[in-house]
Amino acid sequence: MNTFDKVCAALAFVLAILFLILGVPGAFVGCRANFTLPPILGVLPALIGWGIIRSVRVAWKAPAASATPTAPGRDDL
């Protein structure tokens, strides 16, 4: 990942933490923004936050992509 990707990933991670913090109590008391979620569906922000965190961790650990669209010696692409 280049520097821009890492900055975006860090910002997404912060957003995900906010979703997790808001989603945990939302599971019990509901959630209200510009929309209202009932108590059971109030956990959706936490699930979205977890998905963001998971994808950031996977992308951060992934090796850098090669500069060529196809790897040498691979005919199946």
N, C-alpha and C. Protein backbone atom coordinates (compact mmCIF):
# COMPACT_ATOMS: atom_id res chain seq x y z
N MET A 1 0.85 -1.17 0.00
CA MET A 1 0.00 0.00 0.00
C MET A 1 0.89 1.23 0.00
N ASN A 2 0.51 2.21 -0.81
CA ASN A 2 1.28 3.44 -0.81
C ASN A 2 0.80 4.35 0.32
N THR A 3 1.40 5.53 0.45
CA THR A 3 1.09 6.42 1.57
C THR A 3 -0.36 6.89 1.54
N PHE A 4 -0.87 7.22 0.37
CA PHE A 4 -2.26 7.66 0.26
C PHE A 4 -3.21 6.56 0.71
N ASP A 5 -2.94 5.33 0.30
CA ASP A 5 -3.78 4.20 0.71
C ASP A 5 -3.77 4.04 2.22
N LYS A 6 -2.59 4.19 2.81
CA LYS A 6 -2.49 4.04 4.27
C LYS A 6 -3.21 5.15 5.01
N VAL A 7 -3.16 6.38 4.49
CA VAL A 7 -3.90 7.48 5.12
C VAL A 7 -5.40 7.21 5.03
N CYS A 8 -5.88 6.79 3.88
CA CYS A 8 -7.30 6.48 3.72
C CYS A 8 -7.71 5.32 4.62
N ALA A 9 -6.86 4.32 4.73
CA ALA A 9 -7.15 3.18 5.60
C ALA A 9 -7.21 3.62 7.06
N ALA A 10 -6.33 4.50 7.47
CA ALA A 10 -6.34 4.99 8.85
C ALA A 10 -7.61 5.78 9.14
N LEU A 11 -8.04 6.61 8.18
CA LEU A 11 -9.29 7.36 8.37
C LEU A 11 -10.49 6.42 8.41
N ALA A 12 -10.48 5.40 7.57
CA ALA A 12 -11.56 4.42 7.59
C ALA A 12 -11.58 3.66 8.91
N PHE A 13 -10.41 3.39 9.46
CA PHE A 13 -10.32 2.69 10.74
C PHE A 13 -10.97 3.53 11.85
N VAL A 14 -10.69 4.82 11.85
CA VAL A 14 -11.29 5.72 12.85
C VAL A 14 -12.81 5.74 12.69
N LEU A 15 -13.28 5.83 11.46
CA LEU A 15 -14.72 5.79 11.20
C LEU A 15 -15.33 4.48 11.69
N ALA A 16 -14.62 3.40 11.47
CA ALA A 16 -15.11 2.09 11.90
C ALA A 16 -15.21 2.01 13.42
N ILE A 17 -14.25 2.58 14.12
CA ILE A 17 -14.31 2.59 15.59
C ILE A 17 -15.55 3.34 16.05
N LEU A 18 -15.85 4.47 15.41
CA LEU A 18 -17.06 5.22 15.76
C LEU A 18 -18.31 4.38 15.52
N PHE A 19 -18.36 3.68 14.39
CA PHE A 19 -19.50 2.81 14.12
C PHE A 19 -19.63 1.73 15.20
N LEU A 20 -18.51 1.15 15.60
CA LEU A 20 -18.57 0.12 16.64
C LEU A 20 -19.07 0.69 17.96
N ILE A 21 -18.57 1.86 18.33
CA ILE A 21 -18.99 2.47 19.59
C ILE A 21 -20.48 2.78 19.57
N LEU A 22 -20.98 3.28 18.45
CA LEU A 22 -22.40 3.60 18.36
C LEU A 22 -23.27 2.36 18.18
N GLY A 23 -22.72 1.33 17.59
CA GLY A 23 -23.53 0.15 17.29
C GLY A 23 -23.76 -0.78 18.46
N VAL A 24 -22.84 -0.81 19.41
CA VAL A 24 -23.02 -1.72 20.55
C VAL A 24 -24.23 -1.32 21.38
N PRO A 25 -24.34 -0.07 21.83
CA PRO A 25 -25.57 0.27 22.56
C PRO A 25 -26.80 0.28 21.64
N GLY A 26 -26.58 0.49 20.36
CA GLY A 26 -27.70 0.48 19.41
C GLY A 26 -28.39 -0.86 19.34
N ALA A 27 -27.68 -1.91 19.67
CA ALA A 27 -28.29 -3.24 19.67
C ALA A 27 -29.35 -3.36 20.75
N PHE A 28 -29.23 -2.56 21.80
CA PHE A 28 -30.15 -2.67 22.93
C PHE A 28 -31.18 -1.54 23.00
N VAL A 29 -30.80 -0.34 22.59
CA VAL A 29 -31.71 0.79 22.71
C VAL A 29 -32.13 1.38 21.37
N GLY A 30 -31.62 0.84 20.29
CA GLY A 30 -31.95 1.36 18.96
C GLY A 30 -30.95 2.42 18.52
N CYS A 31 -31.21 3.00 17.39
CA CYS A 31 -30.29 3.96 16.80
C CYS A 31 -31.10 5.03 16.07
N ARG A 32 -30.66 6.27 16.19
CA ARG A 32 -31.36 7.35 15.50
C ARG A 32 -30.34 8.32 14.90
N ALA A 33 -30.41 8.53 13.61
CA ALA A 33 -29.58 9.52 12.92
C ALA A 33 -30.58 10.30 12.07
N ASN A 34 -30.46 10.25 10.77
CA ASN A 34 -31.51 10.77 9.91
C ASN A 34 -32.55 9.70 9.66
N PHE A 35 -32.37 8.59 10.29
CA PHE A 35 -33.28 7.47 10.22
C PHE A 35 -33.30 6.84 11.61
N THR A 36 -34.28 6.02 11.87
CA THR A 36 -34.39 5.36 13.18
C THR A 36 -34.36 3.86 12.96
N LEU A 37 -33.54 3.18 13.74
CA LEU A 37 -33.49 1.73 13.70
C LEU A 37 -34.06 1.19 15.01
N PRO A 38 -34.85 0.12 14.94
CA PRO A 38 -35.36 -0.49 16.17
C PRO A 38 -34.22 -1.17 16.92
N PRO A 39 -34.46 -1.53 18.18
CA PRO A 39 -33.38 -2.09 19.01
C PRO A 39 -32.58 -3.23 18.39
N ILE A 40 -33.19 -4.18 17.78
CA ILE A 40 -32.44 -5.31 17.22
C ILE A 40 -31.58 -4.87 16.04
N LEU A 41 -32.11 -4.03 15.16
CA LEU A 41 -31.36 -3.58 13.99
C LEU A 41 -30.37 -2.46 14.32
N GLY A 42 -30.40 -1.96 15.55
CA GLY A 42 -29.47 -0.92 15.96
C GLY A 42 -28.03 -1.38 15.96
N VAL A 43 -27.81 -2.68 15.87
CA VAL A 43 -26.45 -3.23 15.84
C VAL A 43 -25.82 -3.09 14.45
N LEU A 44 -26.56 -2.71 13.44
CA LEU A 44 -26.02 -2.59 12.09
C LEU A 44 -24.80 -1.68 11.99
N PRO A 45 -24.76 -0.52 12.67
CA PRO A 45 -23.53 0.28 12.60
C PRO A 45 -22.30 -0.47 13.11
N ALA A 46 -22.47 -1.29 14.13
CA ALA A 46 -21.34 -2.07 14.64
C ALA A 46 -20.87 -3.09 13.61
N LEU A 47 -21.80 -3.71 12.91
CA LEU A 47 -21.42 -4.67 11.88
C LEU A 47 -20.71 -3.98 10.71
N ILE A 48 -21.18 -2.79 10.35
CA ILE A 48 -20.50 -2.02 9.30
C ILE A 48 -19.10 -1.65 9.75
N GLY A 49 -18.98 -1.20 10.99
CA GLY A 49 -17.67 -0.86 11.54
C GLY A 49 -16.72 -2.04 11.54
N TRP A 50 -17.22 -3.21 11.94
CA TRP A 50 -16.37 -4.40 11.95
C TRP A 50 -15.92 -4.75 10.53
N GLY A 51 -16.81 -4.62 9.56
CA GLY A 51 -16.45 -4.90 8.17
C GLY A 51 -15.36 -3.96 7.67
N ILE A 52 -15.43 -2.69 8.05
CA ILE A 52 -14.41 -1.73 7.65
C ILE A 52 -13.08 -2.09 8.30
N ILE A 53 -13.11 -2.38 9.60
CA ILE A 53 -11.87 -2.73 10.31
C ILE A 53 -11.24 -3.97 9.69
N ARG A 54 -12.05 -4.96 9.41
CA ARG A 54 -11.53 -6.22 8.84
C ARG A 54 -10.89 -5.97 7.47
N SER A 55 -11.54 -5.20 6.63
CA SER A 55 -10.98 -4.96 5.29
C SER A 55 -9.71 -4.11 5.36
N VAL A 56 -9.64 -3.17 6.31
CA VAL A 56 -8.43 -2.37 6.47
C VAL A 56 -7.27 -3.26 6.93
N ARG A 57 -7.53 -4.16 7.88
CA ARG A 57 -6.46 -5.05 8.36
C ARG A 57 -5.96 -5.98 7.26
N VAL A 58 -6.87 -6.51 6.46
CA VAL A 58 -6.47 -7.41 5.37
C VAL A 58 -5.66 -6.65 4.33
N ALA A 59 -6.12 -5.46 3.96
CA ALA A 59 -5.40 -4.67 2.94
C ALA A 59 -4.04 -4.22 3.45
N TRP A 60 -3.94 -3.89 4.73
CA TRP A 60 -2.68 -3.40 5.29
C TRP A 60 -1.62 -4.51 5.27
N LYS A 61 -2.05 -5.74 5.49
CA LYS A 61 -1.11 -6.86 5.54
C LYS A 61 -0.80 -7.45 4.17
N ALA A 62 -1.58 -7.10 3.15
CA ALA A 62 -1.40 -7.67 1.81
C ALA A 62 -0.09 -7.18 1.20
N PRO A 63 0.59 -8.04 0.45
CA PRO A 63 1.81 -7.60 -0.22
C PRO A 63 1.47 -6.61 -1.33
N ALA A 64 2.43 -5.80 -1.70
CA ALA A 64 2.21 -4.81 -2.76
C ALA A 64 1.92 -5.52 -4.08
N ALA A 65 1.02 -4.95 -4.85
CA ALA A 65 0.68 -5.52 -6.16
C ALA A 65 1.82 -5.26 -7.14
N SER A 66 2.00 -6.15 -8.09
CA SER A 66 3.06 -5.96 -9.08
C SER A 66 2.66 -4.86 -10.06
N ALA A 67 3.65 -4.25 -10.68
CA ALA A 67 3.40 -3.15 -11.60
C ALA A 67 2.87 -3.64 -12.94
N THR A 68 3.12 -4.91 -13.27
CA THR A 68 2.65 -5.46 -14.54
C THR A 68 1.30 -6.13 -14.33
N PRO A 69 0.40 -6.02 -15.30
CA PRO A 69 -0.92 -6.62 -15.13
C PRO A 69 -0.90 -8.14 -15.11
N THR A 70 0.06 -8.76 -15.76
CA THR A 70 0.16 -10.21 -15.73
C THR A 70 1.56 -10.60 -15.27
N ALA A 71 1.61 -11.63 -14.49
CA ALA A 71 2.91 -12.12 -14.02
C ALA A 71 3.58 -12.92 -15.12
N PRO A 72 4.91 -12.86 -15.20
CA PRO A 72 5.61 -13.63 -16.23
C PRO A 72 5.39 -15.13 -16.04
N GLY A 73 5.18 -15.79 -17.15
CA GLY A 73 5.01 -17.26 -17.09
C GLY A 73 3.60 -17.70 -16.81
N ARG A 74 2.66 -16.79 -16.69
CA ARG A 74 1.27 -17.17 -16.43
C ARG A 74 0.45 -16.95 -17.69
N ASP A 75 -0.05 -18.03 -18.25
CA ASP A 75 -0.86 -17.94 -19.46
C ASP A 75 -2.34 -17.97 -19.18
N ASP A 76 -2.73 -18.23 -17.94
CA ASP A 76 -4.13 -18.40 -17.62
C ASP A 76 -4.83 -17.08 -17.28
N LEU A 77 -4.16 -15.95 -17.34
CA LEU A 77 -4.80 -14.68 -16.99
C LEU A 77 -5.45 -14.07 -18.16
